[in-house]
Amino acid sequence: MKDVPDIEKVKFNLETMRIDRSSAPNEINPFDLHALEEAVRLKEKYGGVVTAISMGPPMAEKSLREALARGADRAILLSDRRFAGSDTLATSYTLACAIRKLESYDLILTGEKTVDGDTGQVGPEVAEHLGIPNVPYVIKIQEISGGYVIAESMLDSEIVVYRSTLPALISVTKDINFPRIPTLRDKIKARKVEVTIWKADDLSECSQEMFGVHGSPTNVARVDFPTIEGRRGVRIDGDPDTCVEKLLKYLSEEGVI
């Protein structure tokens, strides 16, 4: 799960050309809410334990408590200054290290992407680090039995059915379900559950050089936002041959051809 700024309220810093994350409150990435909901539904159907994992600053604990209120049984926050500046590769490596530390797991559920980064890379990269199958863009989990999971994915406007061995990682779309709203009782109960904090030293079996900036081969230089320019048209009169000649000349002058 990722803590992201409220996209409808966040502001853009024109001087640094970056998103000002302090300008808006944080919330659980909307796509991850669908992953969490699906995990809880699978637990209710097949049994098991749902563990919510997030990487971020201490304030991300608030979102993890919401995950507990929504049905997660356990919450783990990966929080350390050495994780700061992580790109998708370093983030996925760190998350994979935490998942390995759990020792036993059957299914990892993630949102297909985040609303702030929009790369869709972290989920598949976690699967690669762990050496397990990755099933993307899932809109329905049909069945889990006999060490396999059967899921439907939406790819290029077509539904593709996957049968994957477990453990596996599934990234879900918003079409898979409607996340439940936690009750007041759920929220009060979640306050009493301890959120486990893991720092870099707690992931001692992993390479410290792969965390944070040191483990990130990419960085965001700047972020631009699109501008809407008014349309303009040119009228070309004359016989067909003349119009074609004028059109080609105009397109050439504009650098189109």
Protein backbone atom coordinates (compact mmCIF):
# COMPACT_ATOMS: atom_id res chain seq x y z
CA MET A 1 0.00 0.00 0.00
CA LYS A 2 1.16 3.51 -0.71
CA ASP A 3 0.37 6.78 1.03
CA VAL A 4 -0.33 9.41 -1.66
CA PRO A 5 -1.41 13.06 -1.62
CA ASP A 6 -5.04 13.87 -2.37
CA ILE A 7 -4.75 14.52 -6.11
CA GLU A 8 -7.74 16.87 -6.13
CA LYS A 9 -6.11 19.14 -3.54
CA VAL A 10 -2.37 18.85 -4.16
CA LYS A 11 -0.56 21.87 -5.60
CA PHE A 12 2.24 22.15 -8.13
CA ASN A 13 5.41 24.13 -7.35
CA LEU A 14 6.20 26.13 -10.48
CA GLU A 15 9.70 27.02 -9.24
CA THR A 16 10.91 23.49 -8.55
CA MET A 17 8.58 21.89 -11.14
CA ARG A 18 7.63 19.26 -8.60
CA ILE A 19 4.49 18.23 -6.74
CA ASP A 20 4.22 19.95 -3.36
CA ARG A 21 3.25 16.95 -1.24
CA SER A 22 2.84 19.13 1.84
CA SER A 23 0.01 21.06 0.18
CA ALA A 24 -2.56 18.29 0.55
CA PRO A 25 -3.49 15.60 3.07
CA ASN A 26 -2.38 12.04 2.38
CA GLU A 27 -4.64 9.07 1.75
CA ILE A 28 -4.35 5.45 0.72
CA ASN A 29 -3.69 5.12 -2.99
CA PRO A 30 -7.20 4.47 -4.42
CA PHE A 31 -6.02 1.47 -6.47
CA ASP A 32 -4.54 -0.11 -3.33
CA LEU A 33 -7.92 0.15 -1.60
CA HIS A 34 -9.31 -2.25 -4.19
CA ALA A 35 -6.38 -4.62 -3.61
CA LEU A 36 -7.01 -4.51 0.14
CA GLU A 37 -10.73 -5.10 -0.30
CA GLU A 38 -10.07 -8.12 -2.50
CA ALA A 39 -7.60 -9.51 0.03
CA VAL A 40 -10.19 -9.21 2.80
CA ARG A 41 -12.85 -10.86 0.65
CA LEU A 42 -10.51 -13.76 -0.12
CA LYS A 43 -9.79 -14.12 3.60
CA GLU A 44 -13.51 -14.23 4.34
CA LYS A 45 -13.98 -16.91 1.68
CA TYR A 46 -10.89 -19.08 2.12
CA GLY A 47 -9.49 -18.08 5.52
CA GLY A 48 -5.99 -16.80 6.19
CA VAL A 49 -4.38 -13.59 7.40
CA VAL A 50 -4.18 -10.24 5.59
CA THR A 51 -0.99 -8.25 6.17
CA ALA A 52 -0.86 -4.65 4.91
CA ILE A 53 2.64 -3.35 4.11
CA SER A 54 3.58 0.23 3.31
CA MET A 55 6.86 2.07 2.87
CA GLY A 56 7.05 5.72 3.84
CA PRO A 57 7.47 8.28 6.62
CA PRO A 58 6.01 7.78 10.12
CA MET A 59 2.82 9.62 9.11
CA ALA A 60 1.96 6.67 6.83
CA GLU A 61 0.94 4.81 9.98
CA LYS A 62 -2.40 6.60 9.77
CA SER A 63 -3.20 4.93 6.45
CA LEU A 64 -2.15 1.56 7.80
CA ARG A 65 -4.59 1.97 10.67
CA GLU A 66 -7.29 2.63 8.10
CA ALA A 67 -6.25 -0.61 6.41
CA LEU A 68 -6.71 -2.39 9.74
CA ALA A 69 -10.16 -0.83 10.06
CA ARG A 70 -10.99 -2.10 6.58
CA GLY A 71 -10.18 -5.69 7.48
CA ALA A 72 -6.41 -6.20 7.52
CA ASP A 73 -5.16 -8.33 10.42
CA ARG A 74 -1.64 -6.98 10.61
CA ALA A 75 0.13 -3.81 9.46
CA ILE A 76 3.83 -3.25 8.79
CA LEU A 77 5.43 0.13 8.05
CA LEU A 78 8.86 0.26 6.42
CA SER A 79 10.16 3.60 7.62
CA ASP A 80 13.80 4.69 7.60
CA ARG A 81 15.69 7.67 6.22
CA ARG A 82 17.78 5.17 4.28
CA PHE A 83 14.67 4.35 2.24
CA ALA A 84 14.23 8.00 1.17
CA GLY A 85 14.60 8.85 -2.50
CA SER A 86 13.69 5.36 -3.68
CA ASP A 87 12.65 4.94 -7.29
CA THR A 88 10.46 2.02 -8.36
CA LEU A 89 13.39 -0.42 -8.41
CA ALA A 90 14.56 0.42 -4.88
CA THR A 91 10.98 0.52 -3.62
CA SER A 92 10.13 -2.89 -5.04
CA TYR A 93 13.39 -4.35 -3.71
CA THR A 94 12.66 -3.06 -0.20
CA LEU A 95 9.09 -4.35 -0.26
CA ALA A 96 10.30 -7.73 -1.50
CA CYS A 97 12.79 -7.87 1.38
CA ALA A 98 9.96 -7.25 3.85
CA ILE A 99 7.78 -9.92 2.25
CA ARG A 100 10.61 -12.45 2.47
CA LYS A 101 10.92 -11.63 6.16
CA LEU A 102 7.29 -12.72 6.59
CA GLU A 103 8.49 -16.19 5.51
CA SER A 104 5.06 -17.57 4.58
CA TYR A 105 2.66 -16.03 2.07
CA ASP A 106 0.35 -17.33 -0.66
CA LEU A 107 -0.85 -14.28 -2.54
CA ILE A 108 0.35 -10.68 -2.86
CA LEU A 109 -2.22 -8.11 -3.99
CA THR A 110 -1.35 -4.63 -5.24
CA GLY A 111 -3.14 -1.86 -7.06
CA GLU A 112 -2.27 -1.67 -10.75
CA LYS A 113 -0.61 1.73 -10.24
CA THR A 114 -0.50 4.80 -8.00
CA VAL A 115 -2.18 8.11 -8.70
CA ASP A 116 0.98 10.12 -8.03
CA GLY A 117 3.59 8.11 -9.94
CA ASP A 118 1.34 6.26 -12.42
CA THR A 119 4.16 3.91 -13.48
CA GLY A 120 2.57 0.56 -12.67
CA GLN A 121 6.08 -0.83 -12.17
CA VAL A 122 6.36 -1.64 -8.47
CA GLY A 123 4.02 -4.65 -8.41
CA PRO A 124 5.65 -6.53 -11.31
CA GLU A 125 9.11 -5.66 -9.98
CA VAL A 126 8.26 -7.09 -6.54
CA ALA A 127 7.21 -10.32 -8.26
CA GLU A 128 10.49 -10.37 -10.18
CA HIS A 129 12.55 -9.86 -7.01
CA LEU A 130 10.68 -12.71 -5.32
CA GLY A 131 10.82 -14.96 -8.37
CA ILE A 132 7.06 -15.56 -8.44
CA PRO A 133 4.41 -15.22 -11.20
CA ASN A 134 2.85 -11.81 -11.82
CA VAL A 135 -0.74 -11.53 -13.04
CA PRO A 136 -1.53 -7.94 -14.16
CA TYR A 137 -4.73 -5.88 -14.62
CA VAL A 138 -6.96 -8.38 -12.82
CA ILE A 139 -10.69 -7.62 -12.82
CA LYS A 140 -11.84 -10.84 -11.15
CA ILE A 141 -10.36 -13.67 -9.09
CA GLN A 142 -12.38 -16.74 -10.02
CA GLU A 143 -10.96 -19.36 -7.70
CA ILE A 144 -8.08 -20.39 -5.46
CA SER A 145 -7.58 -24.12 -5.01
CA GLY A 146 -5.00 -26.88 -5.31
CA GLY A 147 -2.08 -24.48 -5.17
CA TYR A 148 -3.37 -22.39 -8.08
CA VAL A 149 -5.20 -19.10 -8.57
CA ILE A 150 -7.47 -18.47 -11.56
CA ALA A 151 -7.98 -14.81 -12.44
CA GLU A 152 -9.43 -12.70 -15.24
CA SER A 153 -7.45 -9.77 -16.65
CA MET A 154 -8.51 -7.00 -19.00
CA LEU A 155 -5.88 -6.62 -21.72
CA ASP A 156 -6.45 -4.53 -24.86
CA SER A 157 -10.24 -4.61 -24.38
CA GLU A 158 -10.20 -8.41 -24.14
CA ILE A 159 -10.62 -10.64 -21.09
CA VAL A 160 -7.73 -13.04 -20.58
CA VAL A 161 -7.99 -15.89 -18.06
CA TYR A 162 -4.80 -16.83 -16.20
CA ARG A 163 -4.11 -19.95 -14.17
CA SER A 164 -1.08 -19.32 -11.99
CA THR A 165 0.76 -21.33 -9.38
CA LEU A 166 0.98 -19.98 -5.85
CA PRO A 167 2.55 -17.96 -4.41
CA ALA A 168 1.84 -15.23 -6.96
CA LEU A 169 1.45 -11.47 -7.19
CA ILE A 170 -1.75 -10.00 -8.60
CA SER A 171 -2.23 -6.35 -9.50
CA VAL A 172 -5.89 -5.35 -9.61
CA THR A 173 -7.84 -2.65 -11.39
CA LYS A 174 -10.66 -0.57 -9.94
CA ASP A 175 -13.18 -2.79 -11.74
CA ILE A 176 -12.57 -5.74 -9.42
CA ASN A 177 -14.75 -4.55 -6.50
CA PHE A 178 -16.19 -1.71 -4.45
CA PRO A 179 -14.14 -1.13 -1.25
CA ARG A 180 -16.12 -1.29 1.97
CA ILE A 181 -16.44 1.69 4.30
CA PRO A 182 -15.15 0.98 7.81
CA THR A 183 -17.57 1.51 10.67
CA LEU A 184 -16.81 3.57 13.77
CA ARG A 185 -16.39 0.32 15.70
CA ASP A 186 -13.86 -0.88 13.11
CA LYS A 187 -11.88 2.34 13.45
CA ILE A 188 -11.84 2.19 17.25
CA LYS A 189 -10.72 -1.44 17.13
CA ALA A 190 -7.93 -0.56 14.69
CA ARG A 191 -6.51 2.01 17.12
CA LYS A 192 -5.75 -0.78 19.57
CA VAL A 193 -3.71 -2.82 17.08
CA GLU A 194 0.03 -2.23 17.04
CA VAL A 195 1.57 -1.20 13.73
CA THR A 196 4.93 -2.93 13.34
CA ILE A 197 7.79 -0.64 12.29
CA TRP A 198 10.69 -2.13 10.34
CA LYS A 199 13.82 -0.14 9.61
CA ALA A 200 16.66 -0.91 7.22
CA ASP A 201 18.54 -2.84 9.91
CA ASP A 202 15.51 -5.12 10.34
CA LEU A 203 15.99 -6.22 6.73
CA SER A 204 19.53 -7.39 7.44
CA GLU A 205 19.49 -10.21 4.88
CA CYS A 206 19.17 -7.68 2.05
CA SER A 207 21.80 -5.41 0.52
CA GLN A 208 21.74 -1.99 2.17
CA GLU A 209 23.17 -0.50 -1.04
CA MET A 210 19.93 -1.36 -2.82
CA PHE A 211 17.86 0.87 -0.52
CA GLY A 212 16.90 4.49 -1.14
CA VAL A 213 18.90 6.80 -3.39
CA HIS A 214 21.86 4.41 -3.59
CA GLY A 215 19.68 1.68 -5.05
CA SER A 216 17.83 3.97 -7.45
CA PRO A 217 19.21 4.17 -11.01
CA THR A 218 16.55 6.76 -11.93
CA ASN A 219 15.31 10.01 -10.44
CA VAL A 220 12.60 12.53 -11.26
CA ALA A 221 14.27 15.60 -12.73
CA ARG A 222 11.07 17.61 -13.04
CA VAL A 223 7.34 17.24 -13.51
CA ASP A 224 5.43 19.16 -16.17
CA PHE A 225 1.71 19.62 -16.42
CA PRO A 226 -0.14 19.81 -19.74
CA THR A 227 -1.36 23.10 -21.13
CA ILE A 228 -4.40 23.47 -23.34
CA GLU A 229 -3.79 25.57 -26.44
CA GLY A 230 -6.57 27.00 -28.51
CA ARG A 231 -7.24 25.45 -31.88
CA ARG A 232 -6.53 27.37 -35.04
CA GLY A 233 -7.54 26.60 -38.57
CA VAL A 234 -6.46 27.57 -42.05
CA ARG A 235 -8.83 27.74 -44.99
CA ILE A 236 -7.49 26.66 -48.35
CA ASP A 237 -9.45 27.63 -51.47
CA GLY A 238 -9.00 26.68 -55.10
CA ASP A 239 -9.20 23.66 -57.35
CA PRO A 240 -8.08 20.26 -55.98
CA ASP A 241 -4.55 20.43 -57.40
CA THR A 242 -4.02 23.94 -56.05
CA CYS A 243 -5.42 22.99 -52.63
CA VAL A 244 -3.09 19.99 -52.39
CA GLU A 245 -0.09 22.13 -53.32
CA LYS A 246 -1.02 24.79 -50.74
CA LEU A 247 -1.66 22.16 -48.07
CA LEU A 248 1.71 20.48 -48.61
CA LYS A 249 3.46 23.84 -48.53
CA TYR A 250 1.69 24.80 -45.30
CA LEU A 251 2.47 21.50 -43.60
CA SER A 252 6.11 21.82 -44.63
CA GLU A 253 6.36 25.35 -43.24
CA GLU A 254 4.84 24.17 -39.94
CA GLY A 255 7.37 21.36 -39.69
CA VAL A 256 4.75 18.62 -39.90
CA ILE A 257 6.34 17.05 -42.99
